[in-house]
Amino acid sequence: MERILKAAAALGCTKDECAVFEDAFTGLQAGMASGMLTVGLTTTNSREAIEGKCHYILDSWVGFTTDSLRKLLRSAL
């Protein structure tokens, strides 16, 4: 979690301006603990396995755009 927050600070961003994309359970846990929008990727674990461990689940990058990310960030506020 501390690394995530340090990275955001180094970029001059607040946690509300950032999102964590993770496929590992420890990464999902760190993302949620950081207070940032946490997106679970189904590249390593199934949707069912990561459900409840993140704010949003992304099954595929197909069709995911920067606008998609902006919408997610706005909805998380």
PDB file of N, CA and C in Angstrom:
ATOM      1  N   MET A   1       0.822  -1.183   0.000  1.00  0.00           N
ATOM      2  CA  MET A   1       0.000   0.000   0.000  1.00  0.00           C
ATOM      3  C   MET A   1       0.868   1.249   0.000  1.00  0.00           C
ATOM      4  N   GLU A   2       1.910   1.258   0.805  1.00  0.00           N
ATOM      5  CA  GLU A   2       2.764   2.441   0.886  1.00  0.00           C
ATOM      6  C   GLU A   2       3.403   2.766  -0.456  1.00  0.00           C
ATOM      7  N   ARG A   3       3.804   1.743  -1.186  1.00  0.00           N
ATOM      8  CA  ARG A   3       4.410   1.967  -2.508  1.00  0.00           C
ATOM      9  C   ARG A   3       3.422   2.611  -3.467  1.00  0.00           C
ATOM     10  N   ILE A   4       2.187   2.195  -3.385  1.00  0.00           N
ATOM     11  CA  ILE A   4       1.155   2.752  -4.261  1.00  0.00           C
ATOM     12  C   ILE A   4       0.952   4.237  -3.948  1.00  0.00           C
ATOM     13  N   LEU A   5       0.862   4.550  -2.673  1.00  0.00           N
ATOM     14  CA  LEU A   5       0.669   5.942  -2.269  1.00  0.00           C
ATOM     15  C   LEU A   5       1.894   6.795  -2.602  1.00  0.00           C
ATOM     16  N   LYS A   6       3.087   6.227  -2.438  1.00  0.00           N
ATOM     17  CA  LYS A   6       4.316   6.953  -2.787  1.00  0.00           C
ATOM     18  C   LYS A   6       4.379   7.226  -4.281  1.00  0.00           C
ATOM     19  N   ALA A   7       3.969   6.259  -5.084  1.00  0.00           N
ATOM     20  CA  ALA A   7       3.967   6.447  -6.539  1.00  0.00           C
ATOM     21  C   ALA A   7       3.012   7.568  -6.937  1.00  0.00           C
ATOM     22  N   ALA A   8       1.837   7.591  -6.338  1.00  0.00           N
ATOM     23  CA  ALA A   8       0.872   8.658  -6.635  1.00  0.00           C
ATOM     24  C   ALA A   8       1.439  10.010  -6.235  1.00  0.00           C
ATOM     25  N   ALA A   9       2.036  10.079  -5.063  1.00  0.00           N
ATOM     26  CA  ALA A   9       2.618  11.340  -4.592  1.00  0.00           C
ATOM     27  C   ALA A   9       3.752  11.787  -5.518  1.00  0.00           C
ATOM     28  N   ALA A  10       4.565  10.850  -5.983  1.00  0.00           N
ATOM     29  CA  ALA A  10       5.670  11.185  -6.885  1.00  0.00           C
ATOM     30  C   ALA A  10       5.155  11.753  -8.204  1.00  0.00           C
ATOM     31  N   LEU A  11       3.977  11.332  -8.600  1.00  0.00           N
ATOM     32  CA  LEU A  11       3.364  11.845  -9.827  1.00  0.00           C
ATOM     33  C   LEU A  11       2.566  13.118  -9.576  1.00  0.00           C
ATOM     34  N   GLY A  12       2.465  13.514  -8.325  1.00  0.00           N
ATOM     35  CA  GLY A  12       1.709  14.717  -7.990  1.00  0.00           C
ATOM     36  C   GLY A  12       0.212  14.500  -8.023  1.00  0.00           C
ATOM     37  N   CYS A  13      -0.230  13.273  -7.778  1.00  0.00           N
ATOM     38  CA  CYS A  13      -1.653  12.933  -7.843  1.00  0.00           C
ATOM     39  C   CYS A  13      -2.196  12.603  -6.460  1.00  0.00           C
ATOM     40  N   THR A  14      -3.473  12.855  -6.286  1.00  0.00           N
ATOM     41  CA  THR A  14      -4.152  12.412  -5.074  1.00  0.00           C
ATOM     42  C   THR A  14      -4.691  11.008  -5.328  1.00  0.00           C
ATOM     43  N   LYS A  15      -5.060  10.338  -4.264  1.00  0.00           N
ATOM     44  CA  LYS A  15      -5.579   8.973  -4.437  1.00  0.00           C
ATOM     45  C   LYS A  15      -6.890   8.957  -5.225  1.00  0.00           C
ATOM     46  N   ASP A  16      -7.620  10.076  -5.216  1.00  0.00           N
ATOM     47  CA  ASP A  16      -8.867  10.158  -5.969  1.00  0.00           C
ATOM     48  C   ASP A  16      -8.633  10.286  -7.472  1.00  0.00           C
ATOM     49  N   GLU A  17      -7.418  10.596  -7.857  1.00  0.00           N
ATOM     50  CA  GLU A  17      -7.073  10.747  -9.270  1.00  0.00           C
ATOM     51  C   GLU A  17      -6.395   9.500  -9.838  1.00  0.00           C
ATOM     52  N   CYS A  18      -6.279   8.456  -9.027  1.00  0.00           N
ATOM     53  CA  CYS A  18      -5.537   7.255  -9.420  1.00  0.00           C
ATOM     54  C   CYS A  18      -6.416   6.011  -9.379  1.00  0.00           C
ATOM     55  N   ALA A  19      -5.960   5.010 -10.096  1.00  0.00           N
ATOM     56  CA  ALA A  19      -6.599   3.701 -10.049  1.00  0.00           C
ATOM     57  C   ALA A  19      -5.514   2.639  -9.999  1.00  0.00           C
ATOM     58  N   VAL A  20      -5.793   1.580  -9.281  1.00  0.00           N
ATOM     59  CA  VAL A  20      -4.892   0.438  -9.184  1.00  0.00           C
ATOM     60  C   VAL A  20      -5.493  -0.678 -10.034  1.00  0.00           C
ATOM     61  N   PHE A  21      -4.704  -1.210 -10.961  1.00  0.00           N
ATOM     62  CA  PHE A  21      -5.112  -2.356 -11.771  1.00  0.00           C
ATOM     63  C   PHE A  21      -4.271  -3.531 -11.322  1.00  0.00           C
ATOM     64  N   GLU A  22      -4.910  -4.587 -10.855  1.00  0.00           N
ATOM     65  CA  GLU A  22      -4.183  -5.711 -10.281  1.00  0.00           C
ATOM     66  C   GLU A  22      -4.869  -7.036 -10.590  1.00  0.00           C
ATOM     67  N   ASP A  23      -4.037  -8.086 -10.664  1.00  0.00           N
ATOM     68  CA  ASP A  23      -4.597  -9.424 -10.833  1.00  0.00           C
ATOM     69  C   ASP A  23      -4.224 -10.348  -9.672  1.00  0.00           C
ATOM     70  N   ALA A  24      -3.329  -9.910  -8.800  1.00  0.00           N
ATOM     71  CA  ALA A  24      -2.905 -10.724  -7.661  1.00  0.00           C
ATOM     72  C   ALA A  24      -3.679 -10.327  -6.409  1.00  0.00           C
ATOM     73  N   PHE A  25      -3.950 -11.295  -5.560  1.00  0.00           N
ATOM     74  CA  PHE A  25      -4.704 -11.021  -4.343  1.00  0.00           C
ATOM     75  C   PHE A  25      -4.006  -9.985  -3.463  1.00  0.00           C
ATOM     76  N   THR A  26      -2.684 -10.093  -3.317  1.00  0.00           N
ATOM     77  CA  THR A  26      -1.965  -9.126  -2.477  1.00  0.00           C
ATOM     78  C   THR A  26      -2.021  -7.723  -3.086  1.00  0.00           C
ATOM     79  N   GLY A  27      -1.965  -7.631  -4.395  1.00  0.00           N
ATOM     80  CA  GLY A  27      -2.077  -6.332  -5.060  1.00  0.00           C
ATOM     81  C   GLY A  27      -3.458  -5.739  -4.913  1.00  0.00           C
ATOM     82  N   LEU A  28      -4.478  -6.577  -5.008  1.00  0.00           N
ATOM     83  CA  LEU A  28      -5.856  -6.107  -4.803  1.00  0.00           C
ATOM     84  C   LEU A  28      -6.040  -5.601  -3.377  1.00  0.00           C
ATOM     85  N   GLN A  29      -5.483  -6.333  -2.433  1.00  0.00           N
ATOM     86  CA  GLN A  29      -5.569  -5.931  -1.030  1.00  0.00           C
ATOM     87  C   GLN A  29      -4.866  -4.594  -0.809  1.00  0.00           C
ATOM     88  N   ALA A  30      -3.684  -4.428  -1.393  1.00  0.00           N
ATOM     89  CA  ALA A  30      -2.936  -3.171  -1.253  1.00  0.00           C
ATOM     90  C   ALA A  30      -3.686  -2.017  -1.911  1.00  0.00           C
ATOM     91  N   GLY A  31      -4.258  -2.278  -3.069  1.00  0.00           N
ATOM     92  CA  GLY A  31      -5.026  -1.244  -3.754  1.00  0.00           C
ATOM     93  C   GLY A  31      -6.211  -0.778  -2.930  1.00  0.00           C
ATOM     94  N   MET A  32      -6.948  -1.711  -2.376  1.00  0.00           N
ATOM     95  CA  MET A  32      -8.104  -1.357  -1.556  1.00  0.00           C
ATOM     96  C   MET A  32      -7.661  -0.616  -0.296  1.00  0.00           C
ATOM     97  N   ALA A  33      -6.569  -1.059   0.322  1.00  0.00           N
ATOM     98  CA  ALA A  33      -6.072  -0.412   1.536  1.00  0.00           C
ATOM     99  C   ALA A  33      -5.584   1.007   1.258  1.00  0.00           C
ATOM    100  N   SER A  34      -5.156   1.270   0.028  1.00  0.00           N
ATOM    101  CA  SER A  34      -4.662   2.601  -0.327  1.00  0.00           C
ATOM    102  C   SER A  34      -5.795   3.620  -0.440  1.00  0.00           C
ATOM    103  N   GLY A  35      -7.021   3.133  -0.562  1.00  0.00           N
ATOM    104  CA  GLY A  35      -8.160   4.029  -0.729  1.00  0.00           C
ATOM    105  C   GLY A  35      -8.387   4.442  -2.175  1.00  0.00           C
ATOM    106  N   MET A  36      -7.629   3.863  -3.084  1.00  0.00           N
ATOM    107  CA  MET A  36      -7.780   4.177  -4.509  1.00  0.00           C
ATOM    108  C   MET A  36      -8.789   3.240  -5.155  1.00  0.00           C
ATOM    109  N   LEU A  37      -9.353   3.692  -6.264  1.00  0.00           N
ATOM    110  CA  LEU A  37     -10.199   2.821  -7.065  1.00  0.00           C
ATOM    111  C   LEU A  37      -9.358   1.613  -7.451  1.00  0.00           C
ATOM    112  N   THR A  38      -9.849   0.428  -7.151  1.00  0.00           N
ATOM    113  CA  THR A  38      -9.092  -0.793  -7.426  1.00  0.00           C
ATOM    114  C   THR A  38      -9.858  -1.644  -8.431  1.00  0.00           C
ATOM    115  N   VAL A  39      -9.181  -1.937  -9.541  1.00  0.00           N
ATOM    116  CA  VAL A  39      -9.765  -2.718 -10.626  1.00  0.00           C
ATOM    117  C   VAL A  39      -9.087  -4.080 -10.651  1.00  0.00           C
ATOM    118  N   GLY A  40      -9.874  -5.117 -10.495  1.00  0.00           N
ATOM    119  CA  GLY A  40      -9.355  -6.479 -10.539  1.00  0.00           C
ATOM    120  C   GLY A  40      -9.356  -7.002 -11.963  1.00  0.00           C
ATOM    121  N   LEU A  41      -8.231  -7.571 -12.358  1.00  0.00           N
ATOM    122  CA  LEU A  41      -8.092  -8.147 -13.693  1.00  0.00           C
ATOM    123  C   LEU A  41      -8.215  -9.661 -13.607  1.00  0.00           C
ATOM    124  N   THR A  42      -8.959 -10.243 -14.526  1.00  0.00           N
ATOM    125  CA  THR A  42      -9.183 -11.695 -14.500  1.00  0.00           C
ATOM    126  C   THR A  42      -8.126 -12.432 -15.318  1.00  0.00           C
ATOM    127  N   THR A  43      -6.912 -11.928 -15.309  1.00  0.00           N
ATOM    128  CA  THR A  43      -5.838 -12.574 -16.072  1.00  0.00           C
ATOM    129  C   THR A  43      -5.215 -13.736 -15.315  1.00  0.00           C
ATOM    130  N   THR A  44      -5.223 -13.688 -13.994  1.00  0.00           N
ATOM    131  CA  THR A  44      -4.619 -14.746 -13.181  1.00  0.00           C
ATOM    132  C   THR A  44      -5.667 -15.534 -12.415  1.00  0.00           C
ATOM    133  N   ASN A  45      -6.644 -14.827 -11.889  1.00  0.00           N
ATOM    134  CA  ASN A  45      -7.704 -15.452 -11.097  1.00  0.00           C
ATOM    135  C   ASN A  45      -9.057 -15.199 -11.750  1.00  0.00           C
ATOM    136  N   SER A  46      -9.998 -16.054 -11.437  1.00  0.00           N
ATOM    137  CA  SER A  46     -11.330 -15.925 -12.032  1.00  0.00           C
ATOM    138  C   SER A  46     -12.075 -14.743 -11.441  1.00  0.00           C
ATOM    139  N   ARG A  47     -13.104 -14.340 -12.139  1.00  0.00           N
ATOM    140  CA  ARG A  47     -14.003 -13.270 -11.676  1.00  0.00           C
ATOM    141  C   ARG A  47     -14.555 -13.628 -10.293  1.00  0.00           C
ATOM    142  N   GLU A  48     -14.967 -14.867 -10.128  1.00  0.00           N
ATOM    143  CA  GLU A  48     -15.537 -15.315  -8.857  1.00  0.00           C
ATOM    144  C   GLU A  48     -14.516 -15.226  -7.718  1.00  0.00           C
ATOM    145  N   ALA A  49     -13.258 -15.496  -8.023  1.00  0.00           N
ATOM    146  CA  ALA A  49     -12.213 -15.491  -6.993  1.00  0.00           C
ATOM    147  C   ALA A  49     -11.885 -14.083  -6.508  1.00  0.00           C
ATOM    148  N   ILE A  50     -12.006 -13.084  -7.393  1.00  0.00           N
ATOM    149  CA  ILE A  50     -11.640 -11.719  -6.986  1.00  0.00           C
ATOM    150  C   ILE A  50     -12.841 -10.843  -6.640  1.00  0.00           C
ATOM    151  N   GLU A  51     -14.039 -11.368  -6.852  1.00  0.00           N
ATOM    152  CA  GLU A  51     -15.251 -10.629  -6.505  1.00  0.00           C
ATOM    153  C   GLU A  51     -15.224 -10.255  -5.028  1.00  0.00           C
ATOM    154  N   GLY A  52     -15.526  -8.999  -4.734  1.00  0.00           N
ATOM    155  CA  GLY A  52     -15.520  -8.532  -3.361  1.00  0.00           C
ATOM    156  C   GLY A  52     -14.151  -8.066  -2.880  1.00  0.00           C
ATOM    157  N   LYS A  53     -13.128  -8.253  -3.708  1.00  0.00           N
ATOM    158  CA  LYS A  53     -11.775  -7.845  -3.345  1.00  0.00           C
ATOM    159  C   LYS A  53     -11.334  -6.586  -4.096  1.00  0.00           C
ATOM    160  N   CYS A  54     -12.254  -6.005  -4.872  1.00  0.00           N
ATOM    161  CA  CYS A  54     -11.947  -4.816  -5.658  1.00  0.00           C
ATOM    162  C   CYS A  54     -13.260  -4.072  -5.929  1.00  0.00           C
ATOM    163  N   HIS A  55     -13.131  -2.871  -6.477  1.00  0.00           N
ATOM    164  CA  HIS A  55     -14.328  -2.079  -6.784  1.00  0.00           C
ATOM    165  C   HIS A  55     -14.961  -2.474  -8.107  1.00  0.00           C
ATOM    166  N   TYR A  56     -14.133  -2.914  -9.023  1.00  0.00           N
ATOM    167  CA  TYR A  56     -14.596  -3.204 -10.382  1.00  0.00           C
ATOM    168  C   TYR A  56     -13.759  -4.347 -10.927  1.00  0.00           C
ATOM    169  N   ILE A  57     -14.358  -5.185 -11.758  1.00  0.00           N
ATOM    170  CA  ILE A  57     -13.638  -6.301 -12.378  1.00  0.00           C
ATOM    171  C   ILE A  57     -13.588  -6.080 -13.877  1.00  0.00           C
ATOM    172  N   LEU A  58     -12.405  -6.230 -14.426  1.00  0.00           N
ATOM    173  CA  LEU A  58     -12.190  -6.076 -15.858  1.00  0.00           C
ATOM    174  C   LEU A  58     -11.792  -7.433 -16.439  1.00  0.00           C
ATOM    175  N   ASP A  59     -12.662  -7.973 -17.282  1.00  0.00           N
ATOM    176  CA  ASP A  59     -12.412  -9.277 -17.888  1.00  0.00           C
ATOM    177  C   ASP A  59     -11.514  -9.179 -19.113  1.00  0.00           C
ATOM    178  N   SER A  60     -11.535  -8.019 -19.764  1.00  0.00           N
ATOM    179  CA  SER A  60     -10.769  -7.848 -20.999  1.00  0.00           C
ATOM    180  C   SER A  60     -10.460  -6.372 -21.196  1.00  0.00           C
ATOM    181  N   TRP A  61      -9.309  -6.106 -21.781  1.00  0.00           N
ATOM    182  CA  TRP A  61      -8.937  -4.724 -22.104  1.00  0.00           C
ATOM    183  C   TRP A  61      -9.635  -4.241 -23.375  1.00  0.00           C
ATOM    184  N   VAL A  62     -10.250  -5.154 -24.119  1.00  0.00           N
ATOM    185  CA  VAL A  62     -10.911  -4.791 -25.364  1.00  0.00           C
ATOM    186  C   VAL A  62     -12.027  -3.795 -25.066  1.00  0.00           C
ATOM    187  N   GLY A  63     -11.950  -2.654 -25.691  1.00  0.00           N
ATOM    188  CA  GLY A  63     -12.967  -1.627 -25.514  1.00  0.00           C
ATOM    189  C   GLY A  63     -12.750  -0.727 -24.310  1.00  0.00           C
ATOM    190  N   PHE A  64     -11.765  -1.035 -23.477  1.00  0.00           N
ATOM    191  CA  PHE A  64     -11.488  -0.192 -22.312  1.00  0.00           C
ATOM    192  C   PHE A  64     -10.631   0.980 -22.758  1.00  0.00           C
ATOM    193  N   THR A  65     -11.100   2.192 -22.485  1.00  0.00           N
ATOM    194  CA  THR A  65     -10.426   3.396 -22.958  1.00  0.00           C
ATOM    195  C   THR A  65     -10.125   4.334 -21.786  1.00  0.00           C
ATOM    196  N   THR A  66      -9.442   5.413 -22.082  1.00  0.00           N
ATOM    197  CA  THR A  66      -9.217   6.413 -21.039  1.00  0.00           C
ATOM    198  C   THR A  66     -10.550   7.005 -20.578  1.00  0.00           C
ATOM    199  N   ASP A  67     -11.511   7.101 -21.478  1.00  0.00           N
ATOM    200  CA  ASP A  67     -12.848   7.559 -21.083  1.00  0.00           C
ATOM    201  C   ASP A  67     -13.495   6.576 -20.109  1.00  0.00           C
ATOM    202  N   SER A  68     -13.284   5.291 -20.345  1.00  0.00           N
ATOM    203  CA  SER A  68     -13.804   4.273 -19.425  1.00  0.00           C
ATOM    204  C   SER A  68     -13.212   4.476 -18.035  1.00  0.00           C
ATOM    205  N   LEU A  69     -11.914   4.753 -17.992  1.00  0.00           N
ATOM    206  CA  LEU A  69     -11.241   4.983 -16.713  1.00  0.00           C
ATOM    207  C   LEU A  69     -11.782   6.240 -16.037  1.00  0.00           C
ATOM    208  N   ARG A  70     -11.964   7.293 -16.794  1.00  0.00           N
ATOM    209  CA  ARG A  70     -12.510   8.533 -16.228  1.00  0.00           C
ATOM    210  C   ARG A  70     -13.888   8.299 -15.607  1.00  0.00           C
ATOM    211  N   LYS A  71     -14.725   7.532 -16.295  1.00  0.00           N
ATOM    212  CA  LYS A  71     -16.063   7.215 -15.775  1.00  0.00           C
ATOM    213  C   LYS A  71     -15.973   6.436 -14.478  1.00  0.00           C
ATOM    214  N   LEU A  72     -15.060   5.472 -14.420  1.00  0.00           N
ATOM    215  CA  LEU A  72     -14.884   4.688 -13.195  1.00  0.00           C
ATOM    216  C   LEU A  72     -14.430   5.586 -12.041  1.00  0.00           C
ATOM    217  N   LEU A  73     -13.470   6.459 -12.319  1.00  0.00           N
ATOM    218  CA  LEU A  73     -12.982   7.354 -11.274  1.00  0.00           C
ATOM    219  C   LEU A  73     -14.077   8.284 -10.777  1.00  0.00           C
ATOM    220  N   ARG A  74     -14.892   8.815 -11.693  1.00  0.00           N
ATOM    221  CA  ARG A  74     -15.999   9.693 -11.293  1.00  0.00           C
ATOM    222  C   ARG A  74     -17.022   8.928 -10.455  1.00  0.00           C
ATOM    223  N   SER A  75     -17.294   7.698 -10.833  1.00  0.00           N
ATOM    224  CA  SER A  75     -18.305   6.918 -10.109  1.00  0.00           C
ATOM    225  C   SER A  75     -17.810   6.498  -8.721  1.00  0.00           C
ATOM    226  N   ALA A  76     -16.506   6.465  -8.559  1.00  0.00           N
ATOM    227  CA  ALA A  76     -15.938   6.065  -7.268  1.00  0.00           C
ATOM    228  C   ALA A  76     -15.952   7.203  -6.256  1.00  0.00           C
ATOM    229  N   LEU A  77     -16.121   8.420  -6.733  1.00  0.00           N
ATOM    230  CA  LEU A  77     -16.069   9.578  -5.820  1.00  0.00           C
ATOM    231  C   LEU A  77     -17.323   9.709  -4.990  1.00  0.00           C
TER     232      LEU A  77
END
